[in-house]
N, C-alpha and C. Protein backbone atom coordinates (compact mmCIF):
# COMPACT_ATOMS: atom_id res chain seq x y z
N MET A 1 1.54 -32.43 -127.21
CA MET A 1 2.28 -31.99 -128.39
C MET A 1 2.26 -33.12 -129.41
N SER A 2 1.85 -32.80 -130.61
CA SER A 2 1.76 -33.83 -131.65
C SER A 2 3.02 -33.83 -132.51
N VAL A 3 3.19 -34.93 -133.19
CA VAL A 3 4.33 -35.08 -134.09
C VAL A 3 3.94 -34.48 -135.44
N VAL A 4 4.77 -33.60 -135.94
CA VAL A 4 4.49 -32.92 -137.20
C VAL A 4 4.80 -33.87 -138.36
N PRO A 5 3.78 -34.24 -139.15
CA PRO A 5 4.01 -35.20 -140.24
C PRO A 5 5.06 -34.73 -141.26
N GLN A 6 5.13 -33.43 -141.51
CA GLN A 6 6.11 -32.93 -142.47
C GLN A 6 7.54 -33.18 -141.98
N ALA A 7 7.75 -33.06 -140.69
CA ALA A 7 9.08 -33.34 -140.14
C ALA A 7 9.40 -34.83 -140.22
N VAL A 8 8.39 -35.64 -139.95
CA VAL A 8 8.59 -37.09 -140.02
C VAL A 8 8.90 -37.51 -141.45
N VAL A 9 8.12 -37.04 -142.41
CA VAL A 9 8.35 -37.45 -143.79
C VAL A 9 9.67 -36.91 -144.31
N GLY A 10 10.04 -35.71 -143.93
CA GLY A 10 11.33 -35.16 -144.37
C GLY A 10 12.50 -35.98 -143.86
N THR A 11 12.44 -36.36 -142.59
CA THR A 11 13.48 -37.21 -142.01
C THR A 11 13.50 -38.58 -142.67
N THR A 12 12.32 -39.12 -142.91
CA THR A 12 12.24 -40.46 -143.49
C THR A 12 12.73 -40.46 -144.94
N ILE A 13 12.45 -39.40 -145.67
CA ILE A 13 12.98 -39.28 -147.04
C ILE A 13 14.51 -39.27 -146.99
N ALA A 14 15.06 -38.53 -146.04
CA ALA A 14 16.52 -38.50 -145.88
C ALA A 14 17.05 -39.91 -145.59
N PHE A 15 16.35 -40.65 -144.72
CA PHE A 15 16.76 -42.03 -144.43
C PHE A 15 16.78 -42.87 -145.70
N SER A 16 15.76 -42.72 -146.54
CA SER A 16 15.70 -43.50 -147.78
C SER A 16 16.93 -43.25 -148.65
N PHE A 17 17.29 -41.99 -148.79
CA PHE A 17 18.42 -41.68 -149.67
C PHE A 17 19.77 -42.02 -149.03
N ILE A 18 19.84 -42.02 -147.70
CA ILE A 18 21.05 -42.50 -147.02
C ILE A 18 21.22 -43.99 -147.30
N LEU A 19 20.13 -44.76 -147.19
CA LEU A 19 20.18 -46.19 -147.48
C LEU A 19 20.56 -46.44 -148.94
N PHE A 20 20.00 -45.67 -149.84
CA PHE A 20 20.32 -45.78 -151.26
C PHE A 20 21.82 -45.55 -151.49
N GLY A 21 22.34 -44.48 -150.91
CA GLY A 21 23.77 -44.17 -151.08
C GLY A 21 24.67 -45.24 -150.51
N ASN A 22 24.30 -45.78 -149.36
CA ASN A 22 25.09 -46.85 -148.77
C ASN A 22 25.08 -48.09 -149.65
N ALA A 23 23.93 -48.45 -150.17
CA ALA A 23 23.84 -49.65 -151.02
C ALA A 23 24.66 -49.47 -152.29
N ILE A 24 24.63 -48.28 -152.86
CA ILE A 24 25.44 -47.99 -154.05
C ILE A 24 26.93 -48.16 -153.70
N THR A 25 27.33 -47.58 -152.58
CA THR A 25 28.73 -47.64 -152.17
C THR A 25 29.19 -49.08 -151.95
N GLN A 26 28.37 -49.87 -151.26
CA GLN A 26 28.77 -51.25 -151.00
C GLN A 26 28.78 -52.09 -152.27
N SER A 27 27.76 -51.93 -153.12
CA SER A 27 27.64 -52.78 -154.31
C SER A 27 28.63 -52.44 -155.41
N PHE A 28 28.98 -51.17 -155.53
CA PHE A 28 29.81 -50.76 -156.66
C PHE A 28 31.22 -50.33 -156.27
N MET A 29 31.49 -50.22 -154.97
CA MET A 29 32.82 -49.82 -154.53
C MET A 29 33.40 -50.77 -153.48
N GLY A 30 32.73 -50.89 -152.35
CA GLY A 30 33.29 -51.64 -151.23
C GLY A 30 33.52 -53.12 -151.51
N VAL A 31 32.45 -53.84 -151.82
CA VAL A 31 32.59 -55.28 -152.03
C VAL A 31 33.42 -55.58 -153.29
N PRO A 32 33.22 -54.87 -154.41
CA PRO A 32 34.10 -55.15 -155.56
C PRO A 32 35.59 -54.94 -155.25
N ALA A 33 35.89 -53.98 -154.38
CA ALA A 33 37.30 -53.77 -154.01
C ALA A 33 37.87 -54.99 -153.30
N LEU A 34 37.04 -55.70 -152.54
CA LEU A 34 37.50 -56.91 -151.87
C LEU A 34 37.76 -58.05 -152.85
N LEU A 35 37.18 -57.94 -154.04
CA LEU A 35 37.29 -59.02 -155.02
C LEU A 35 38.32 -58.76 -156.12
N VAL A 36 39.00 -57.62 -156.06
CA VAL A 36 40.01 -57.32 -157.07
C VAL A 36 41.08 -58.41 -157.07
N ASP A 37 41.36 -58.95 -158.24
CA ASP A 37 42.37 -60.01 -158.43
C ASP A 37 42.13 -61.21 -157.52
N PHE A 38 40.88 -61.52 -157.25
CA PHE A 38 40.57 -62.70 -156.42
C PHE A 38 41.01 -63.94 -157.19
N PRO A 39 41.82 -64.78 -156.57
CA PRO A 39 42.35 -65.94 -157.30
C PRO A 39 41.27 -67.01 -157.53
N ALA A 40 41.46 -67.78 -158.57
CA ALA A 40 40.56 -68.89 -158.88
C ALA A 40 40.63 -69.94 -157.78
N PRO A 41 39.56 -70.71 -157.59
CA PRO A 41 39.58 -71.75 -156.56
C PRO A 41 40.72 -72.75 -156.69
N SER A 42 41.24 -72.92 -157.90
CA SER A 42 42.36 -73.85 -158.10
C SER A 42 43.71 -73.25 -157.73
N SER A 43 43.75 -71.95 -157.51
CA SER A 43 45.01 -71.27 -157.19
C SER A 43 45.45 -71.59 -155.75
N PRO A 44 46.76 -71.69 -155.53
CA PRO A 44 47.24 -71.91 -154.16
C PRO A 44 46.97 -70.70 -153.25
N ASP A 45 46.73 -69.53 -153.85
CA ASP A 45 46.46 -68.33 -153.07
C ASP A 45 44.99 -68.18 -152.69
N HIS A 46 44.14 -69.03 -153.23
CA HIS A 46 42.69 -68.88 -153.02
C HIS A 46 42.29 -68.99 -151.55
N ALA A 47 42.77 -69.98 -150.86
CA ALA A 47 42.37 -70.20 -149.47
C ALA A 47 42.70 -68.99 -148.59
N ALA A 48 43.89 -68.43 -148.79
CA ALA A 48 44.28 -67.27 -147.99
C ALA A 48 43.39 -66.06 -148.29
N ARG A 49 43.06 -65.83 -149.57
CA ARG A 49 42.19 -64.71 -149.94
C ARG A 49 40.77 -64.91 -149.45
N ALA A 50 40.29 -66.15 -149.51
CA ALA A 50 38.95 -66.45 -149.00
C ALA A 50 38.90 -66.18 -147.50
N HIS A 51 39.93 -66.60 -146.79
CA HIS A 51 40.01 -66.35 -145.35
C HIS A 51 40.06 -64.85 -145.07
N LEU A 52 40.84 -64.11 -145.86
CA LEU A 52 40.92 -62.66 -145.68
C LEU A 52 39.56 -62.01 -145.94
N LEU A 53 38.86 -62.45 -146.96
CA LEU A 53 37.52 -61.93 -147.23
C LEU A 53 36.62 -62.16 -146.02
N GLY A 54 36.70 -63.32 -145.44
CA GLY A 54 35.92 -63.62 -144.24
C GLY A 54 36.29 -62.73 -143.06
N ARG A 55 37.56 -62.41 -142.95
CA ARG A 55 38.01 -61.52 -141.85
C ARG A 55 37.58 -60.08 -142.10
N GLN A 56 37.50 -59.67 -143.36
CA GLN A 56 37.10 -58.30 -143.68
C GLN A 56 35.58 -58.12 -143.63
N TRP A 57 34.84 -59.18 -143.83
CA TRP A 57 33.39 -59.07 -143.96
C TRP A 57 32.68 -58.49 -142.74
N PRO A 58 33.10 -58.75 -141.51
CA PRO A 58 32.37 -58.19 -140.36
C PRO A 58 32.22 -56.66 -140.39
N VAL A 59 33.14 -55.97 -141.03
CA VAL A 59 33.00 -54.50 -141.14
C VAL A 59 31.74 -54.16 -141.94
N PHE A 60 31.54 -54.82 -143.06
CA PHE A 60 30.35 -54.57 -143.88
C PHE A 60 29.08 -54.99 -143.14
N TRP A 61 29.16 -56.13 -142.50
CA TRP A 61 28.01 -56.68 -141.81
C TRP A 61 27.62 -55.80 -140.62
N ALA A 62 28.60 -55.31 -139.90
CA ALA A 62 28.31 -54.47 -138.74
C ALA A 62 27.63 -53.17 -139.14
N VAL A 63 28.08 -52.57 -140.22
CA VAL A 63 27.45 -51.33 -140.69
C VAL A 63 25.98 -51.59 -141.00
N GLY A 64 25.69 -52.69 -141.65
CA GLY A 64 24.31 -53.02 -141.98
C GLY A 64 23.46 -53.28 -140.75
N ASN A 65 23.99 -54.05 -139.82
CA ASN A 65 23.21 -54.42 -138.63
C ASN A 65 23.05 -53.29 -137.63
N VAL A 66 24.11 -52.55 -137.41
CA VAL A 66 24.10 -51.54 -136.36
C VAL A 66 23.49 -50.22 -136.82
N PHE A 67 23.74 -49.85 -138.06
CA PHE A 67 23.32 -48.54 -138.52
C PHE A 67 22.14 -48.60 -139.49
N PHE A 68 22.21 -49.43 -140.49
CA PHE A 68 21.21 -49.37 -141.56
C PHE A 68 19.95 -50.18 -141.27
N ARG A 69 20.02 -51.22 -140.48
CA ARG A 69 18.80 -51.94 -140.11
C ARG A 69 17.84 -51.04 -139.33
N PRO A 70 18.32 -50.30 -138.33
CA PRO A 70 17.39 -49.38 -137.65
C PRO A 70 16.84 -48.29 -138.58
N ILE A 71 17.66 -47.80 -139.49
CA ILE A 71 17.16 -46.77 -140.41
C ILE A 71 16.08 -47.34 -141.32
N SER A 72 16.25 -48.56 -141.80
CA SER A 72 15.22 -49.19 -142.62
C SER A 72 13.93 -49.36 -141.82
N THR A 73 14.06 -49.78 -140.59
CA THR A 73 12.89 -49.97 -139.73
C THR A 73 12.20 -48.65 -139.45
N LEU A 74 12.97 -47.62 -139.16
CA LEU A 74 12.38 -46.29 -138.97
C LEU A 74 11.70 -45.80 -140.24
N GLY A 75 12.23 -46.19 -141.39
CA GLY A 75 11.59 -45.83 -142.65
C GLY A 75 10.19 -46.41 -142.75
N ILE A 76 10.02 -47.64 -142.31
CA ILE A 76 8.69 -48.26 -142.32
C ILE A 76 7.73 -47.43 -141.47
N PHE A 77 8.15 -47.15 -140.23
CA PHE A 77 7.28 -46.43 -139.31
C PHE A 77 7.05 -44.97 -139.72
N GLY A 78 8.10 -44.34 -140.24
CA GLY A 78 7.96 -42.94 -140.67
C GLY A 78 6.99 -42.78 -141.81
N TYR A 79 7.11 -43.62 -142.82
CA TYR A 79 6.18 -43.54 -143.95
C TYR A 79 4.79 -44.02 -143.56
N ALA A 80 4.69 -45.02 -142.69
CA ALA A 80 3.37 -45.47 -142.24
C ALA A 80 2.66 -44.36 -141.47
N TYR A 81 3.39 -43.67 -140.59
CA TYR A 81 2.79 -42.55 -139.85
C TYR A 81 2.35 -41.45 -140.81
N THR A 82 3.19 -41.12 -141.77
CA THR A 82 2.85 -40.08 -142.73
C THR A 82 1.64 -40.49 -143.57
N SER A 83 1.57 -41.75 -143.93
CA SER A 83 0.41 -42.27 -144.66
C SER A 83 -0.86 -42.10 -143.83
N TRP A 84 -0.78 -42.47 -142.57
CA TRP A 84 -1.91 -42.32 -141.66
C TRP A 84 -2.32 -40.85 -141.53
N ALA A 85 -1.34 -39.98 -141.35
CA ALA A 85 -1.63 -38.55 -141.20
C ALA A 85 -2.25 -37.98 -142.48
N ALA A 86 -1.74 -38.40 -143.63
CA ALA A 86 -2.29 -37.91 -144.90
C ALA A 86 -3.72 -38.40 -145.09
N ALA A 87 -4.00 -39.65 -144.73
CA ALA A 87 -5.36 -40.17 -144.83
C ALA A 87 -6.31 -39.39 -143.93
N ASN A 88 -5.86 -39.07 -142.73
CA ASN A 88 -6.69 -38.30 -141.80
C ASN A 88 -6.90 -36.87 -142.29
N GLN A 89 -5.89 -36.28 -142.93
CA GLN A 89 -6.06 -34.93 -143.48
C GLN A 89 -7.07 -34.94 -144.62
N GLN A 90 -7.03 -35.98 -145.44
CA GLN A 90 -7.97 -36.07 -146.56
C GLN A 90 -9.40 -36.20 -146.05
N GLN A 91 -9.57 -36.81 -144.89
CA GLN A 91 -10.90 -36.99 -144.31
C GLN A 91 -11.30 -35.78 -143.45
N GLY A 92 -10.40 -34.81 -143.36
CA GLY A 92 -10.70 -33.62 -142.58
C GLY A 92 -10.56 -33.78 -141.09
N LEU A 93 -9.90 -34.85 -140.66
CA LEU A 93 -9.75 -35.10 -139.22
C LEU A 93 -8.58 -34.36 -138.60
N VAL A 94 -7.61 -34.00 -139.40
CA VAL A 94 -6.41 -33.32 -138.91
C VAL A 94 -6.20 -32.08 -139.76
N GLY A 95 -5.89 -30.98 -139.12
CA GLY A 95 -5.64 -29.75 -139.86
C GLY A 95 -4.21 -29.66 -140.34
N GLY A 96 -3.88 -28.52 -140.91
CA GLY A 96 -2.51 -28.30 -141.36
C GLY A 96 -2.38 -28.41 -142.86
N ASN A 97 -1.13 -28.34 -143.33
CA ASN A 97 -0.88 -28.44 -144.76
C ASN A 97 -1.23 -29.83 -145.27
N PRO A 98 -1.90 -29.89 -146.40
CA PRO A 98 -2.22 -31.23 -146.92
C PRO A 98 -0.94 -31.97 -147.31
N LEU A 99 -0.91 -33.24 -146.97
CA LEU A 99 0.25 -34.07 -147.28
C LEU A 99 0.12 -34.76 -148.63
N GLY A 100 -1.08 -34.83 -149.13
CA GLY A 100 -1.29 -35.49 -150.41
C GLY A 100 -1.87 -36.88 -150.24
N ASP A 101 -1.69 -37.69 -151.25
CA ASP A 101 -2.27 -39.02 -151.31
C ASP A 101 -1.56 -39.97 -150.36
N TRP A 102 -2.29 -40.48 -149.41
CA TRP A 102 -1.73 -41.37 -148.39
C TRP A 102 -1.16 -42.65 -149.00
N ARG A 103 -1.71 -43.06 -150.15
CA ARG A 103 -1.29 -44.33 -150.75
C ARG A 103 0.17 -44.30 -151.20
N LEU A 104 0.65 -43.16 -151.64
CA LEU A 104 2.06 -43.09 -152.05
C LEU A 104 3.00 -43.27 -150.86
N TYR A 105 2.61 -42.71 -149.72
CA TYR A 105 3.41 -42.91 -148.51
C TYR A 105 3.33 -44.37 -148.05
N ALA A 106 2.17 -44.99 -148.26
CA ALA A 106 2.02 -46.41 -147.91
C ALA A 106 2.92 -47.28 -148.79
N VAL A 107 3.03 -46.94 -150.08
CA VAL A 107 3.94 -47.67 -150.97
C VAL A 107 5.38 -47.48 -150.50
N SER A 108 5.72 -46.28 -150.07
CA SER A 108 7.07 -46.03 -149.55
C SER A 108 7.35 -46.88 -148.30
N ALA A 109 6.36 -46.97 -147.42
CA ALA A 109 6.51 -47.83 -146.23
C ALA A 109 6.70 -49.28 -146.65
N LEU A 110 5.92 -49.71 -147.63
CA LEU A 110 6.03 -51.08 -148.14
C LEU A 110 7.41 -51.34 -148.73
N CYS A 111 7.97 -50.36 -149.43
CA CYS A 111 9.33 -50.52 -149.98
C CYS A 111 10.33 -50.79 -148.87
N HIS A 112 10.23 -50.06 -147.77
CA HIS A 112 11.15 -50.28 -146.65
C HIS A 112 10.90 -51.64 -145.99
N LEU A 113 9.64 -52.05 -145.93
CA LEU A 113 9.33 -53.37 -145.38
C LEU A 113 9.94 -54.46 -146.26
N VAL A 114 9.84 -54.30 -147.56
CA VAL A 114 10.46 -55.26 -148.49
C VAL A 114 11.97 -55.32 -148.24
N THR A 115 12.59 -54.17 -148.04
CA THR A 115 14.03 -54.12 -147.78
C THR A 115 14.39 -54.91 -146.53
N VAL A 116 13.64 -54.72 -145.47
CA VAL A 116 13.93 -55.40 -144.21
C VAL A 116 13.72 -56.91 -144.36
N ILE A 117 12.63 -57.31 -144.97
CA ILE A 117 12.35 -58.74 -145.14
C ILE A 117 13.39 -59.39 -146.07
N HIS A 118 13.70 -58.72 -147.18
CA HIS A 118 14.72 -59.24 -148.10
C HIS A 118 16.07 -59.38 -147.39
N SER A 119 16.41 -58.40 -146.59
CA SER A 119 17.68 -58.46 -145.85
C SER A 119 17.72 -59.66 -144.92
N ALA A 120 16.61 -59.91 -144.22
CA ALA A 120 16.56 -61.02 -143.27
C ALA A 120 16.56 -62.38 -143.97
N LEU A 121 15.77 -62.50 -145.02
CA LEU A 121 15.61 -63.80 -145.67
C LEU A 121 16.71 -64.15 -146.66
N ASN A 122 17.18 -63.16 -147.40
CA ASN A 122 18.12 -63.43 -148.50
C ASN A 122 19.55 -63.00 -148.22
N MET A 123 19.71 -61.86 -147.57
CA MET A 123 21.06 -61.34 -147.35
C MET A 123 21.73 -61.96 -146.13
N GLN A 124 20.96 -62.20 -145.08
CA GLN A 124 21.53 -62.74 -143.85
C GLN A 124 22.25 -64.08 -144.08
N PRO A 125 21.66 -65.03 -144.82
CA PRO A 125 22.40 -66.28 -145.05
C PRO A 125 23.71 -66.08 -145.81
N ILE A 126 23.73 -65.14 -146.74
CA ILE A 126 24.98 -64.86 -147.46
C ILE A 126 25.99 -64.22 -146.52
N ASN A 127 25.53 -63.29 -145.68
CA ASN A 127 26.42 -62.67 -144.69
C ASN A 127 27.04 -63.73 -143.79
N GLU A 128 26.25 -64.69 -143.37
CA GLU A 128 26.76 -65.76 -142.50
C GLU A 128 27.82 -66.60 -143.21
N LYS A 129 27.60 -66.88 -144.49
CA LYS A 129 28.60 -67.66 -145.24
C LYS A 129 29.88 -66.85 -145.41
N LEU A 130 29.76 -65.59 -145.75
CA LEU A 130 30.95 -64.76 -145.91
C LEU A 130 31.71 -64.62 -144.60
N ASP A 131 30.98 -64.47 -143.51
CA ASP A 131 31.61 -64.37 -142.20
C ASP A 131 32.30 -65.67 -141.82
N ALA A 132 31.70 -66.79 -142.19
CA ALA A 132 32.28 -68.10 -141.86
C ALA A 132 33.58 -68.37 -142.60
N LEU A 133 33.85 -67.62 -143.66
CA LEU A 133 35.12 -67.79 -144.38
C LEU A 133 36.32 -67.48 -143.49
N SER A 134 36.11 -66.74 -142.42
CA SER A 134 37.22 -66.41 -141.51
C SER A 134 37.62 -67.60 -140.65
N GLU A 135 36.80 -68.63 -140.62
CA GLU A 135 37.12 -69.83 -139.84
C GLU A 135 38.18 -70.65 -140.57
N PRO A 136 38.82 -71.57 -139.87
CA PRO A 136 39.83 -72.41 -140.52
C PRO A 136 39.24 -73.14 -141.74
N LYS A 137 40.10 -73.47 -142.67
CA LYS A 137 39.69 -74.03 -143.95
C LYS A 137 38.81 -75.28 -143.81
N GLY A 138 38.96 -76.04 -142.80
CA GLY A 138 38.19 -77.26 -142.64
C GLY A 138 36.76 -77.04 -142.14
N SER A 139 36.33 -75.81 -141.99
CA SER A 139 35.01 -75.53 -141.46
C SER A 139 33.92 -76.16 -142.32
N SER A 140 32.96 -76.77 -141.67
CA SER A 140 31.87 -77.41 -142.40
C SER A 140 30.73 -76.43 -142.70
N ARG A 141 30.80 -75.23 -142.17
CA ARG A 141 29.72 -74.25 -142.37
C ARG A 141 29.72 -73.63 -143.75
N VAL A 142 30.88 -73.68 -144.44
CA VAL A 142 30.98 -72.94 -145.70
C VAL A 142 32.02 -73.61 -146.60
N ASP A 143 31.80 -73.49 -147.88
CA ASP A 143 32.75 -74.00 -148.87
C ASP A 143 33.65 -72.84 -149.30
N HIS A 144 34.90 -72.86 -148.89
CA HIS A 144 35.83 -71.77 -149.19
C HIS A 144 36.03 -71.56 -150.69
N LYS A 145 35.83 -72.60 -151.48
CA LYS A 145 35.97 -72.47 -152.93
C LYS A 145 34.90 -71.56 -153.53
N GLU A 146 33.83 -71.35 -152.79
CA GLU A 146 32.71 -70.54 -153.27
C GLU A 146 32.79 -69.09 -152.78
N ALA A 147 33.89 -68.69 -152.20
CA ALA A 147 34.01 -67.36 -151.59
C ALA A 147 33.64 -66.23 -152.54
N GLU A 148 34.26 -66.20 -153.71
CA GLU A 148 33.96 -65.13 -154.65
C GLU A 148 32.50 -65.18 -155.10
N LYS A 149 32.00 -66.37 -155.28
CA LYS A 149 30.59 -66.54 -155.69
C LYS A 149 29.65 -65.95 -154.63
N TYR A 150 29.94 -66.19 -153.35
CA TYR A 150 29.11 -65.63 -152.28
C TYR A 150 29.11 -64.10 -152.34
N ALA A 151 30.29 -63.53 -152.51
CA ALA A 151 30.38 -62.06 -152.54
C ALA A 151 29.67 -61.49 -153.76
N ARG A 152 29.80 -62.14 -154.90
CA ARG A 152 29.11 -61.66 -156.11
C ARG A 152 27.59 -61.82 -155.98
N ARG A 153 27.16 -62.88 -155.34
CA ARG A 153 25.72 -63.06 -155.07
C ARG A 153 25.23 -61.95 -154.13
N TRP A 154 26.04 -61.62 -153.14
CA TRP A 154 25.68 -60.56 -152.21
C TRP A 154 25.48 -59.25 -152.99
N ILE A 155 26.40 -58.94 -153.90
CA ILE A 155 26.27 -57.72 -154.71
C ILE A 155 24.98 -57.76 -155.52
N LYS A 156 24.72 -58.89 -156.15
CA LYS A 156 23.51 -59.02 -156.98
C LYS A 156 22.25 -58.84 -156.13
N TYR A 157 22.17 -59.51 -155.01
CA TYR A 157 21.00 -59.41 -154.14
C TYR A 157 20.87 -58.02 -153.50
N ASN A 158 21.95 -57.33 -153.34
CA ASN A 158 21.92 -55.99 -152.75
C ASN A 158 21.23 -54.99 -153.68
N THR A 159 21.01 -55.37 -154.92
CA THR A 159 20.30 -54.50 -155.87
C THR A 159 18.92 -54.14 -155.33
N VAL A 160 18.28 -55.06 -154.64
CA VAL A 160 16.97 -54.76 -154.04
C VAL A 160 17.12 -53.60 -153.06
N ARG A 161 18.24 -53.59 -152.32
CA ARG A 161 18.45 -52.53 -151.33
C ARG A 161 18.93 -51.23 -151.97
N ILE A 162 19.15 -51.26 -153.27
CA ILE A 162 19.39 -50.03 -154.02
C ILE A 162 18.05 -49.50 -154.51
N ILE A 163 17.24 -50.38 -155.07
CA ILE A 163 16.00 -49.97 -155.72
C ILE A 163 14.93 -49.53 -154.73
N THR A 164 14.68 -50.32 -153.70
CA THR A 164 13.54 -50.01 -152.83
C THR A 164 13.68 -48.68 -152.08
N PRO A 165 14.83 -48.33 -151.54
CA PRO A 165 14.90 -47.03 -150.87
C PRO A 165 14.78 -45.84 -151.84
N VAL A 166 15.33 -45.98 -153.04
CA VAL A 166 15.24 -44.86 -153.98
C VAL A 166 13.81 -44.70 -154.48
N VAL A 167 13.08 -45.80 -154.65
CA VAL A 167 11.67 -45.71 -155.02
C VAL A 167 10.88 -45.07 -153.87
N ALA A 168 11.11 -45.54 -152.65
CA ALA A 168 10.41 -45.00 -151.49
C ALA A 168 10.68 -43.50 -151.33
N GLY A 169 11.94 -43.14 -151.35
CA GLY A 169 12.30 -41.73 -151.17
C GLY A 169 11.80 -40.85 -152.30
N SER A 170 11.87 -41.34 -153.52
CA SER A 170 11.43 -40.55 -154.67
C SER A 170 9.92 -40.34 -154.66
N LEU A 171 9.17 -41.39 -154.36
CA LEU A 171 7.71 -41.25 -154.28
C LEU A 171 7.31 -40.24 -153.21
N ALA A 172 7.91 -40.39 -152.03
CA ALA A 172 7.56 -39.49 -150.93
C ALA A 172 8.02 -38.06 -151.21
N LEU A 173 9.20 -37.91 -151.78
CA LEU A 173 9.69 -36.56 -152.10
C LEU A 173 8.80 -35.91 -153.14
N TRP A 174 8.46 -36.66 -154.18
CA TRP A 174 7.59 -36.13 -155.23
C TRP A 174 6.25 -35.72 -154.64
N GLN A 175 5.68 -36.57 -153.79
CA GLN A 175 4.39 -36.27 -153.16
C GLN A 175 4.50 -35.03 -152.28
N THR A 176 5.57 -34.92 -151.55
CA THR A 176 5.76 -33.77 -150.66
C THR A 176 5.93 -32.48 -151.45
N ILE A 177 6.72 -32.53 -152.51
CA ILE A 177 6.95 -31.33 -153.34
C ILE A 177 5.67 -30.92 -154.06
N GLN A 178 4.89 -31.90 -154.51
CA GLN A 178 3.64 -31.61 -155.21
C GLN A 178 2.69 -30.79 -154.36
N LYS A 179 2.73 -30.99 -153.06
CA LYS A 179 1.77 -30.35 -152.17
C LYS A 179 2.28 -29.03 -151.58
N HIS A 180 3.47 -28.60 -151.99
CA HIS A 180 3.98 -27.34 -151.42
C HIS A 180 4.36 -26.38 -152.51
């Protein structure tokens, strides 16, 4: 029994838009809510708020690691498989409904690969700093005065995780709709 490429691409498109929605929610709702009325580093309330941010951060981090990292990875494989299947259909090696241009699915796979690599190289160090804020103030791993800056940098860098899944999903959806 073979895997139906249309089912794979449909599921993978859904994954792309789930990732897009999550990134929107975190960047424009979740993390900004943690920063409402964040005191200046010179404020006596700053240390307590920075510590609280560090205690709250594992919820965001866990969602990304446990749920969205596997979805991003499946996105790579789903679009790569669909790209392979589309290339084979164009060469007449596989029957069925034409999937269209394999290169668009390859670009979608590349978008998910960029998301995974960006998350590992750029987001993970920020996650570690935000998580370290939960440690006592004397911790050498992180500068508590930079707490708000870390969270705002996280929001800024998360823009990649907004753009790449929506590009991937839109390209694949457009290609799929074009062929049906």
